[in-house]
């Protein structure tokens, strides 16, 4: 069952934002209201079993990552709306239902309808839309389960599927600390090399570092090197959540020990292997490494990226290494940083050259304390929406009317979260 009308609590919140924006930022309010309503009215599908399926937008499948980001801003409203909280908790339940089907898959079908990339050379089944293994696909559902509890007090999402899914997540993270021992392979018949893994589907060679391996980035593009540093940062954060959950809410000493051991090993791996030097000789975080001395100086638009660390709960916005990294990535030294007539920001290998992403711009705004910078970015996002009052995947810095994905719920909600952030309305972490 989809929403036919906007819940009263959401209407009231939209009115609150409208009043805060006033006449000075009336255009922010117009876009906020369009985007905040759009996700509920077009992507949410309540299921008869109490779970929730979320379309990513113009693709008829649910991504574990995107679906979390799509509902996260609603948690501020869900504190006072039990029905909205139930919808979000239902999403967590659906996410862990899927994880138990296959923890290596990143996107799933609403039913076992055999849709999606069934011809890929990997272990597909009727439920799976796509089986690109990405660390963040397992981090986001744990994050959402924890945030639902922190913001609403609900704990029904911590059910048997959650417990079993967590065990599978820990097993995958442990297995992928030594990818040479992994059963996972992935190849796609394609001319687009970002959509397949080299080396007979195993990806570029890596050696153990303590970090956990990822086949693909949050963009669904293949990793150049196997240790994706921002996703390992996210793993450290959610493993800390699991320590808390299984220490205080669902006592399970064995899971606490496993989560802590993984967290400490991954953090040590980041500290030892996860840095590189920029052109000025400063120490910064690498985007990807392989444990053999290779590292990439870049950032991608999709979250987790390096700029998103403090937003996700890894480090602080005033940390010296983070600031050096941020400065580097918001410059031409990042091969995916584009600047043009209408905008400057981070794009992706996933979209054309000179296309920047509203997701990346919103994240840039949410990881600075400078209110003027937040205003600049919000004004830029509204001015480059192609006249739609909604966000897109990417747009041309020299012609915002040229954009990819007319309907992209994740981007819409990141814009909304930045507006909320400007007015100091944030999800409790």
Protein backbone atom coordinates (compact mmCIF):
# COMPACT_ATOMS: atom_id res chain seq x y z
CA UNK A 1 0.00 0.00 0.00
CA UNK A 2 1.44 3.37 -1.02
CA UNK A 3 0.76 6.72 0.63
CA UNK A 4 -2.15 8.48 -1.08
CA UNK A 5 -1.95 11.55 1.13
CA UNK A 6 0.79 13.22 3.12
CA UNK A 7 0.50 12.42 6.87
CA UNK A 8 -0.55 15.38 9.01
CA UNK A 9 2.71 15.26 10.96
CA UNK A 10 4.68 15.60 7.71
CA UNK A 11 2.45 18.43 6.52
CA UNK A 12 3.04 20.25 9.80
CA UNK A 13 6.80 19.76 9.49
CA UNK A 14 6.77 21.07 5.93
CA UNK A 15 4.88 24.12 7.20
CA UNK A 16 7.49 24.60 9.92
CA UNK A 17 10.26 24.56 7.32
CA UNK A 18 8.30 26.98 5.13
CA UNK A 19 7.97 29.41 8.03
CA UNK A 20 11.67 29.11 8.89
CA UNK A 21 12.61 29.81 5.28
CA UNK A 22 10.38 32.90 5.20
CA UNK A 23 10.50 35.21 2.23
CA UNK A 24 14.29 35.27 2.10
CA UNK A 25 14.55 31.58 1.26
CA UNK A 26 11.10 30.87 -0.17
CA UNK A 27 12.68 28.94 -3.03
CA UNK A 28 14.29 26.53 -0.54
CA UNK A 29 10.85 25.88 0.95
CA UNK A 30 9.30 25.24 -2.46
CA UNK A 31 11.91 22.62 -3.32
CA UNK A 32 11.89 21.16 0.20
CA UNK A 33 8.14 20.63 0.16
CA UNK A 34 8.20 19.08 -3.32
CA UNK A 35 11.04 16.70 -2.44
CA UNK A 36 9.87 15.82 1.09
CA UNK A 37 6.43 14.87 -0.18
CA UNK A 38 7.71 13.14 -3.31
CA UNK A 39 9.47 10.28 -1.53
CA UNK A 40 6.40 9.33 0.51
CA UNK A 41 3.98 9.59 -2.41
CA UNK A 42 6.06 7.86 -5.08
CA UNK A 43 8.49 5.37 -3.52
CA UNK A 44 7.01 3.92 -0.31
CA UNK A 45 5.10 0.64 -0.63
CA UNK A 46 3.79 -0.79 2.64
CA UNK A 47 3.54 -4.57 2.59
CA UNK A 48 0.86 -6.81 4.10
CA UNK A 49 3.40 -8.35 6.51
CA UNK A 50 4.25 -4.98 8.09
CA UNK A 51 7.45 -4.47 6.14
CA UNK A 52 8.14 -1.58 3.77
CA UNK A 53 9.51 -1.71 0.22
CA UNK A 54 11.07 1.47 -1.19
CA UNK A 55 11.62 2.13 -4.86
CA UNK A 56 14.86 3.95 -5.56
CA UNK A 57 13.00 6.18 -8.02
CA UNK A 58 12.98 5.44 -11.73
CA UNK A 59 14.29 1.87 -11.24
CA UNK A 60 11.73 -0.72 -10.02
CA UNK A 61 14.00 -2.16 -7.30
CA UNK A 62 15.07 -1.40 -3.74
CA UNK A 63 18.68 -0.61 -2.91
CA UNK A 64 19.72 -1.30 0.69
CA UNK A 65 21.79 1.90 0.67
CA UNK A 66 19.40 4.27 -1.07
CA UNK A 67 16.35 3.16 0.88
CA UNK A 68 18.03 4.10 4.17
CA UNK A 69 19.00 7.56 2.93
CA UNK A 70 15.52 8.04 1.46
CA UNK A 71 13.78 7.79 4.85
CA UNK A 72 16.46 9.11 7.21
CA UNK A 73 15.17 12.75 7.35
CA UNK A 74 11.69 11.48 8.32
CA UNK A 75 13.12 10.24 11.63
CA UNK A 76 12.90 13.81 12.95
CA UNK A 77 9.14 13.70 12.37
CA UNK A 78 8.75 10.05 13.40
CA UNK A 79 9.55 10.97 17.01
CA UNK A 80 5.98 12.29 17.24
CA UNK A 81 4.28 10.00 14.70
CA UNK A 82 4.05 6.30 15.57
CA UNK A 83 2.68 5.38 12.14
CA UNK A 84 5.60 7.03 10.36
CA UNK A 85 7.99 5.32 12.78
CA UNK A 86 6.31 1.99 11.99
CA UNK A 87 6.83 2.58 8.27
CA UNK A 88 10.55 3.17 8.82
CA UNK A 89 10.90 0.21 11.18
CA UNK A 90 9.14 -1.84 8.51
CA UNK A 91 11.84 -0.82 6.05
CA UNK A 92 14.52 -2.12 8.43
CA UNK A 93 12.64 -5.41 8.63
CA UNK A 94 12.51 -5.64 4.83
CA UNK A 95 16.21 -4.80 4.54
CA UNK A 96 17.20 -7.61 6.89
CA UNK A 97 14.82 -10.01 5.15
CA UNK A 98 16.82 -9.28 2.00
CA UNK A 99 20.21 -9.50 3.72
CA UNK A 100 19.29 -12.99 4.88
CA UNK A 101 18.53 -13.96 1.28
CA UNK A 102 22.01 -12.83 0.19
CA UNK A 103 24.36 -10.46 2.07
CA UNK A 104 26.43 -9.93 -1.09
CA UNK A 105 23.53 -8.38 -3.05
CA UNK A 106 22.99 -4.63 -3.19
CA UNK A 107 19.49 -4.34 -4.73
CA UNK A 108 16.37 -6.49 -4.55
CA UNK A 109 12.99 -7.02 -6.22
CA UNK A 110 9.67 -6.43 -4.46
CA UNK A 111 8.74 -10.05 -5.12
CA UNK A 112 10.62 -13.08 -6.40
CA UNK A 113 9.89 -11.94 -9.97
CA UNK A 114 13.23 -12.71 -11.64
CA UNK A 115 13.69 -9.03 -12.62
CA UNK A 116 17.01 -7.25 -12.88
CA UNK A 117 20.45 -8.39 -13.99
CA UNK A 118 19.76 -12.11 -14.06
CA UNK A 119 22.40 -12.77 -16.73
CA UNK A 120 25.29 -11.62 -14.52
CA UNK A 121 27.90 -14.27 -13.79
CA UNK A 122 27.43 -14.63 -10.04
CA UNK A 123 24.98 -16.42 -7.73
CA UNK A 124 21.71 -14.73 -8.73
CA UNK A 125 18.19 -15.70 -7.66
CA UNK A 126 14.66 -14.44 -8.33
CA UNK A 127 14.70 -11.94 -5.46
CA UNK A 128 17.93 -10.21 -6.49
CA UNK A 129 17.94 -7.24 -8.87
CA UNK A 130 21.72 -6.83 -8.70
CA UNK A 131 24.54 -8.59 -6.83
CA UNK A 132 27.32 -6.05 -6.72
CA UNK A 133 28.95 -6.47 -3.31
CA UNK A 134 29.40 -3.15 -1.52
CA UNK A 135 30.32 -2.72 2.14
CA UNK A 136 27.94 0.20 2.53
CA UNK A 137 24.95 -1.95 1.51
CA UNK A 138 25.41 -3.80 4.80
CA UNK A 139 26.29 -0.71 6.85
CA UNK A 140 23.20 1.34 6.00
CA UNK A 141 20.56 -1.10 7.33
CA UNK A 142 22.43 -1.40 10.65
CA UNK A 143 22.64 2.38 10.80
CA UNK A 144 18.89 2.73 10.18
CA UNK A 145 17.97 0.09 12.75
CA UNK A 146 20.06 1.96 15.32
CA UNK A 147 18.76 5.42 14.37
CA UNK A 148 15.13 4.25 14.57
CA UNK A 149 15.82 3.20 18.16
CA UNK A 150 17.73 6.39 19.04
CA UNK A 151 15.10 8.72 17.58
CA UNK A 152 11.82 6.94 18.35
CA UNK A 153 12.58 4.38 21.06
CA UNK A 154 11.23 1.58 18.86
CA UNK A 155 12.95 -1.78 19.19
CA UNK A 156 10.67 -4.13 17.21
CA UNK A 157 13.11 -3.89 14.29
CA UNK A 158 15.58 -5.90 16.39
CA UNK A 159 13.79 -9.15 15.51
CA UNK A 160 14.99 -12.64 14.57
CA UNK A 161 15.78 -11.51 11.00
CA UNK A 162 17.90 -8.69 12.39
CA UNK A 163 19.86 -11.07 14.61
CA UNK A 164 20.46 -13.54 11.80
CA UNK A 165 21.29 -10.74 9.36
CA UNK A 166 23.87 -9.25 11.71
CA UNK A 167 25.58 -12.62 11.97
CA UNK A 168 25.73 -12.79 8.17
CA UNK A 169 27.11 -9.23 7.97
CA UNK A 170 29.86 -10.02 10.46
CA UNK A 171 30.72 -13.22 8.59
CA UNK A 172 30.99 -11.36 5.27
CA UNK A 173 33.13 -8.59 6.77
CA UNK A 174 35.39 -11.21 8.39
CA UNK A 175 35.63 -13.27 5.21
CA UNK A 176 36.47 -10.22 3.11
CA UNK A 177 39.37 -9.26 5.36
CA UNK A 178 41.15 -11.85 3.23
CA UNK A 179 39.44 -11.67 -0.15
CA UNK A 180 41.60 -14.54 -1.43
CA UNK A 181 39.46 -16.84 0.72
CA UNK A 182 36.15 -15.35 -0.49
CA UNK A 183 33.52 -17.27 -2.47
CA UNK A 184 32.32 -14.04 -4.14
CA UNK A 185 32.89 -13.41 -7.83
CA UNK A 186 31.08 -11.05 -10.19
CA UNK A 187 31.25 -10.54 -13.94
CA UNK A 188 28.83 -8.81 -16.31
CA UNK A 189 28.81 -9.06 -20.09
CA UNK A 190 29.30 -5.38 -20.85
CA UNK A 191 31.51 -2.86 -22.60
CA UNK A 192 31.31 -0.60 -19.53
CA UNK A 193 34.25 -1.77 -17.44
CA UNK A 194 32.96 -0.07 -14.29
CA UNK A 195 30.12 -2.63 -14.24
CA UNK A 196 32.26 -5.74 -13.94
CA UNK A 197 35.23 -7.04 -11.93
CA UNK A 198 38.56 -7.91 -13.53
CA UNK A 199 40.64 -11.00 -12.71
CA UNK A 200 37.90 -13.55 -13.49
CA UNK A 201 35.39 -11.66 -11.36
CA UNK A 202 37.58 -11.32 -8.28
CA UNK A 203 38.77 -7.73 -8.73
CA UNK A 204 42.27 -6.31 -8.51
CA UNK A 205 44.75 -8.17 -6.34
CA UNK A 206 44.89 -7.14 -2.67
CA UNK A 207 46.76 -8.32 0.41
CA UNK A 208 45.29 -8.42 3.95
CA UNK A 209 45.37 -5.10 5.83
CA UNK A 210 42.79 -5.56 8.57
CA UNK A 211 40.25 -3.64 6.48
CA UNK A 212 37.41 -5.43 4.72
CA UNK A 213 37.23 -5.70 0.92
CA UNK A 214 34.54 -4.24 -1.35
CA UNK A 215 33.91 -5.13 -4.98
CA UNK A 216 32.03 -1.96 -5.81
CA UNK A 217 31.70 1.65 -4.70
CA UNK A 218 28.44 3.22 -3.45
CA UNK A 219 28.02 4.40 -7.05
CA UNK A 220 27.72 0.71 -8.07
CA UNK A 221 30.94 1.20 -10.07
CA UNK A 222 33.80 -1.25 -9.57
CA UNK A 223 36.56 -0.40 -7.13
CA UNK A 224 39.97 0.23 -8.69
CA UNK A 225 41.59 -1.13 -5.53
CA UNK A 226 39.79 -3.41 -3.11
CA UNK A 227 39.92 -1.50 0.15
CA UNK A 228 37.43 1.36 -0.10
CA UNK A 229 38.48 3.62 2.76
CA UNK A 230 35.24 5.63 3.32
CA UNK A 231 33.20 2.42 3.39
CA UNK A 232 35.61 0.96 5.92
CA UNK A 233 35.14 4.14 7.98
CA UNK A 234 31.37 3.55 7.86
CA UNK A 235 31.94 -0.07 8.91
CA UNK A 236 33.84 1.13 12.00
CA UNK A 237 30.85 3.32 12.94
CA UNK A 238 28.17 0.64 12.57
CA UNK A 239 30.28 -2.00 14.30
CA UNK A 240 30.27 0.41 17.25
CA UNK A 241 26.47 0.51 17.01
CA UNK A 242 26.37 -3.29 17.11
CA UNK A 243 28.56 -3.30 20.22
CA UNK A 244 26.03 -1.01 21.91
CA UNK A 245 22.97 -2.94 20.71
CA UNK A 246 24.29 -6.32 21.82
CA UNK A 247 25.66 -4.96 25.10
CA UNK A 248 22.60 -2.98 26.20
CA UNK A 249 19.50 -4.01 24.26
CA UNK A 250 19.97 -7.64 23.20
CA UNK A 251 22.74 -9.04 25.39
CA UNK A 252 24.97 -11.31 23.30
CA UNK A 253 28.58 -11.37 24.42
CA UNK A 254 29.78 -13.38 21.42
CA UNK A 255 28.44 -10.81 18.94
CA UNK A 256 29.89 -7.96 20.98
CA UNK A 257 33.31 -9.61 20.86
CA UNK A 258 33.07 -10.25 17.10
CA UNK A 259 31.94 -6.67 16.37
CA UNK A 260 34.64 -5.16 18.58
CA UNK A 261 37.40 -7.31 17.09
CA UNK A 262 36.36 -6.35 13.56
CA UNK A 263 36.04 -2.67 14.45
CA UNK A 264 39.50 -2.55 15.98
CA UNK A 265 41.10 -4.44 13.07
CA UNK A 266 39.47 -2.23 10.44
CA UNK A 267 40.36 0.96 12.30
CA UNK A 268 43.97 -0.20 12.63
CA UNK A 269 43.96 -0.98 8.91
CA UNK A 270 42.71 2.52 8.07
CA UNK A 271 45.37 4.08 10.27
CA UNK A 272 48.19 1.99 8.78
CA UNK A 273 47.19 1.71 5.12
CA UNK A 274 44.39 4.23 4.49
CA UNK A 275 46.43 7.40 3.95
CA UNK A 276 48.39 8.91 1.10
CA UNK A 277 49.96 12.30 0.21
CA UNK A 278 48.45 15.11 -1.83
CA UNK A 279 50.44 17.22 -4.27
CA UNK A 280 51.47 19.56 -1.45
CA UNK A 281 52.93 16.63 0.48
CA UNK A 282 50.21 16.69 3.16
CA UNK A 283 48.85 13.48 4.65
CA UNK A 284 45.27 12.84 3.53
CA UNK A 285 42.89 9.90 3.46
CA UNK A 286 43.09 7.78 0.30
CA UNK A 287 39.83 6.83 -1.40
CA UNK A 288 40.98 3.28 -2.19
CA UNK A 289 44.10 1.26 -1.40
CA UNK A 290 45.23 -2.31 -2.03
CA UNK A 291 47.65 -2.90 0.84
CA UNK A 292 50.53 -3.03 -1.63
CA UNK A 293 51.29 0.68 -1.76
CA UNK A 294 48.75 1.72 -4.41
CA UNK A 295 46.27 4.46 -3.48
CA UNK A 296 43.81 6.79 -5.22
CA UNK A 297 43.52 10.52 -4.55
CA UNK A 298 39.86 11.16 -5.38
CA UNK A 299 36.35 11.25 -4.00
CA UNK A 300 33.07 10.10 -5.50
CA UNK A 301 29.66 11.71 -5.10
CA UNK A 302 27.93 8.74 -3.55
CA UNK A 303 27.87 8.37 0.23
CA UNK A 304 29.90 7.03 1.98
CA UNK A 305 32.64 9.14 0.48
CA UNK A 306 35.61 10.68 2.24
CA UNK A 307 33.90 14.04 2.74
CA UNK A 308 30.96 12.32 4.49
CA UNK A 309 33.04 10.85 7.34
CA UNK A 310 31.89 13.26 10.11
CA UNK A 311 28.28 13.08 8.89
CA UNK A 312 28.37 9.30 9.26
CA UNK A 313 29.98 9.52 12.68
CA UNK A 314 33.62 8.93 11.78
CA UNK A 315 35.88 11.72 13.02
CA UNK A 316 35.21 15.44 13.38
CA UNK A 317 34.85 18.24 10.83
CA UNK A 318 37.79 20.09 12.39
CA UNK A 319 40.20 17.11 12.35
CA UNK A 320 43.47 18.14 10.69
CA UNK A 321 43.69 15.16 8.33
CA UNK A 322 40.00 15.47 7.42
CA UNK A 323 40.41 19.17 6.59
CA UNK A 324 43.47 18.50 4.41
CA UNK A 325 41.57 15.71 2.67
CA UNK A 326 38.50 17.89 2.15
CA UNK A 327 40.54 20.76 0.70
CA UNK A 328 42.24 18.37 -1.71
CA UNK A 329 39.00 16.74 -2.84
CA UNK A 330 37.27 20.07 -3.44
CA UNK A 331 39.97 21.02 -5.91
CA UNK A 332 41.12 19.94 -9.38
CA UNK A 333 43.42 17.43 -7.69
CA UNK A 334 40.29 15.26 -7.42
CA UNK A 335 39.68 13.99 -11.00
CA UNK A 336 35.92 14.10 -10.34
CA UNK A 337 35.81 17.72 -9.14
CA UNK A 338 34.20 19.88 -11.78
CA UNK A 339 33.73 23.64 -11.97
CA UNK A 340 31.70 25.60 -14.49
CA UNK A 341 29.41 28.54 -15.09
CA UNK A 342 26.63 27.43 -12.73
CA UNK A 343 28.23 25.17 -10.13
CA UNK A 344 31.34 23.59 -8.68
CA UNK A 345 31.41 20.25 -6.92
CA UNK A 346 32.10 16.56 -7.05
CA UNK A 347 30.82 14.30 -9.81
CA UNK A 348 31.39 10.62 -10.50
CA UNK A 349 32.70 8.08 -12.97
CA UNK A 350 29.06 6.99 -13.03
CA UNK A 351 27.91 10.08 -14.94
CA UNK A 352 29.36 12.23 -17.76
CA UNK A 353 32.32 14.55 -17.32
CA UNK A 354 31.40 17.99 -15.90
CA UNK A 355 28.28 16.62 -14.19
CA UNK A 356 28.21 17.34 -10.44
CA UNK A 357 25.85 15.60 -8.03
CA UNK A 358 23.37 17.25 -5.64
CA UNK A 359 24.10 14.42 -3.18
CA UNK A 360 27.75 15.51 -3.05
CA UNK A 361 26.83 19.19 -2.79
CA UNK A 362 24.43 18.46 0.08
CA UNK A 363 27.11 16.44 1.85
CA UNK A 364 29.59 19.29 1.39
CA UNK A 365 27.05 21.52 3.13
CA UNK A 366 26.39 19.14 6.00
CA UNK A 367 30.08 18.75 6.85
CA UNK A 368 30.86 22.42 7.39
CA UNK A 369 30.04 24.63 10.36
CA UNK A 370 29.96 27.71 8.12
CA UNK A 371 26.34 28.85 7.76
CA UNK A 372 27.22 31.10 4.85
CA UNK A 373 28.64 28.12 3.01
CA UNK A 374 25.43 26.17 3.64
CA UNK A 375 23.45 29.11 2.20
CA UNK A 376 25.68 29.21 -0.88
CA UNK A 377 25.19 25.49 -1.53
CA UNK A 378 21.42 25.55 -0.95
CA UNK A 379 21.05 28.50 -3.31
CA UNK A 380 23.14 26.66 -5.87
CA UNK A 381 21.05 23.49 -5.57
CA UNK A 382 17.79 25.37 -6.07
CA UNK A 383 19.18 27.34 -9.00
CA UNK A 384 20.34 24.18 -10.78
CA UNK A 385 17.26 21.96 -10.46
CA UNK A 386 16.40 22.31 -14.16
CA UNK A 387 13.13 24.03 -13.28
CA UNK A 388 11.70 20.85 -11.71
CA UNK A 389 11.87 21.82 -8.01
CA UNK A 390 13.46 18.39 -7.45
CA UNK A 391 17.02 17.13 -7.33
CA UNK A 392 18.64 14.86 -9.92
CA UNK A 393 21.51 12.42 -10.04
CA UNK A 394 23.92 14.78 -11.77
CA UNK A 395 23.75 17.97 -13.82
CA UNK A 396 26.05 19.80 -16.22
CA UNK A 397 27.95 22.61 -14.47
CA UNK A 398 27.56 24.72 -17.63
CA UNK A 399 23.92 23.85 -18.37
CA UNK A 400 21.75 22.67 -15.43
CA UNK A 401 18.94 21.80 -17.83
CA UNK A 402 21.08 18.84 -18.85
CA UNK A 403 20.81 16.26 -16.08
CA UNK A 404 20.61 12.54 -15.39
CA UNK A 405 17.69 10.81 -13.66
CA UNK A 406 14.59 12.98 -13.50
CA UNK A 407 13.35 11.01 -10.49
CA UNK A 408 16.00 10.22 -7.87
CA UNK A 409 14.65 10.02 -4.34
CA UNK A 410 18.02 9.78 -2.56
CA UNK A 411 19.11 13.15 -3.98
CA UNK A 412 15.77 14.73 -3.06
CA UNK A 413 16.11 13.67 0.56
CA UNK A 414 19.73 14.78 0.84
CA UNK A 415 18.63 18.26 -0.21
CA UNK A 416 15.89 18.13 2.44
CA UNK A 417 18.37 17.04 5.08
CA UNK A 418 20.66 19.96 4.25
CA UNK A 419 17.76 22.43 4.62
CA UNK A 420 16.95 20.84 7.98
CA UNK A 421 20.62 20.97 8.98
CA UNK A 422 20.74 24.70 8.23
CA UNK A 423 17.89 25.21 10.71
CA UNK A 424 19.57 22.89 13.26
CA UNK A 425 16.98 20.14 12.84
CA UNK A 426 19.00 16.92 12.80
CA UNK A 427 18.54 13.20 13.24
CA UNK A 428 19.89 12.11 16.63
CA UNK A 429 22.94 9.85 16.34
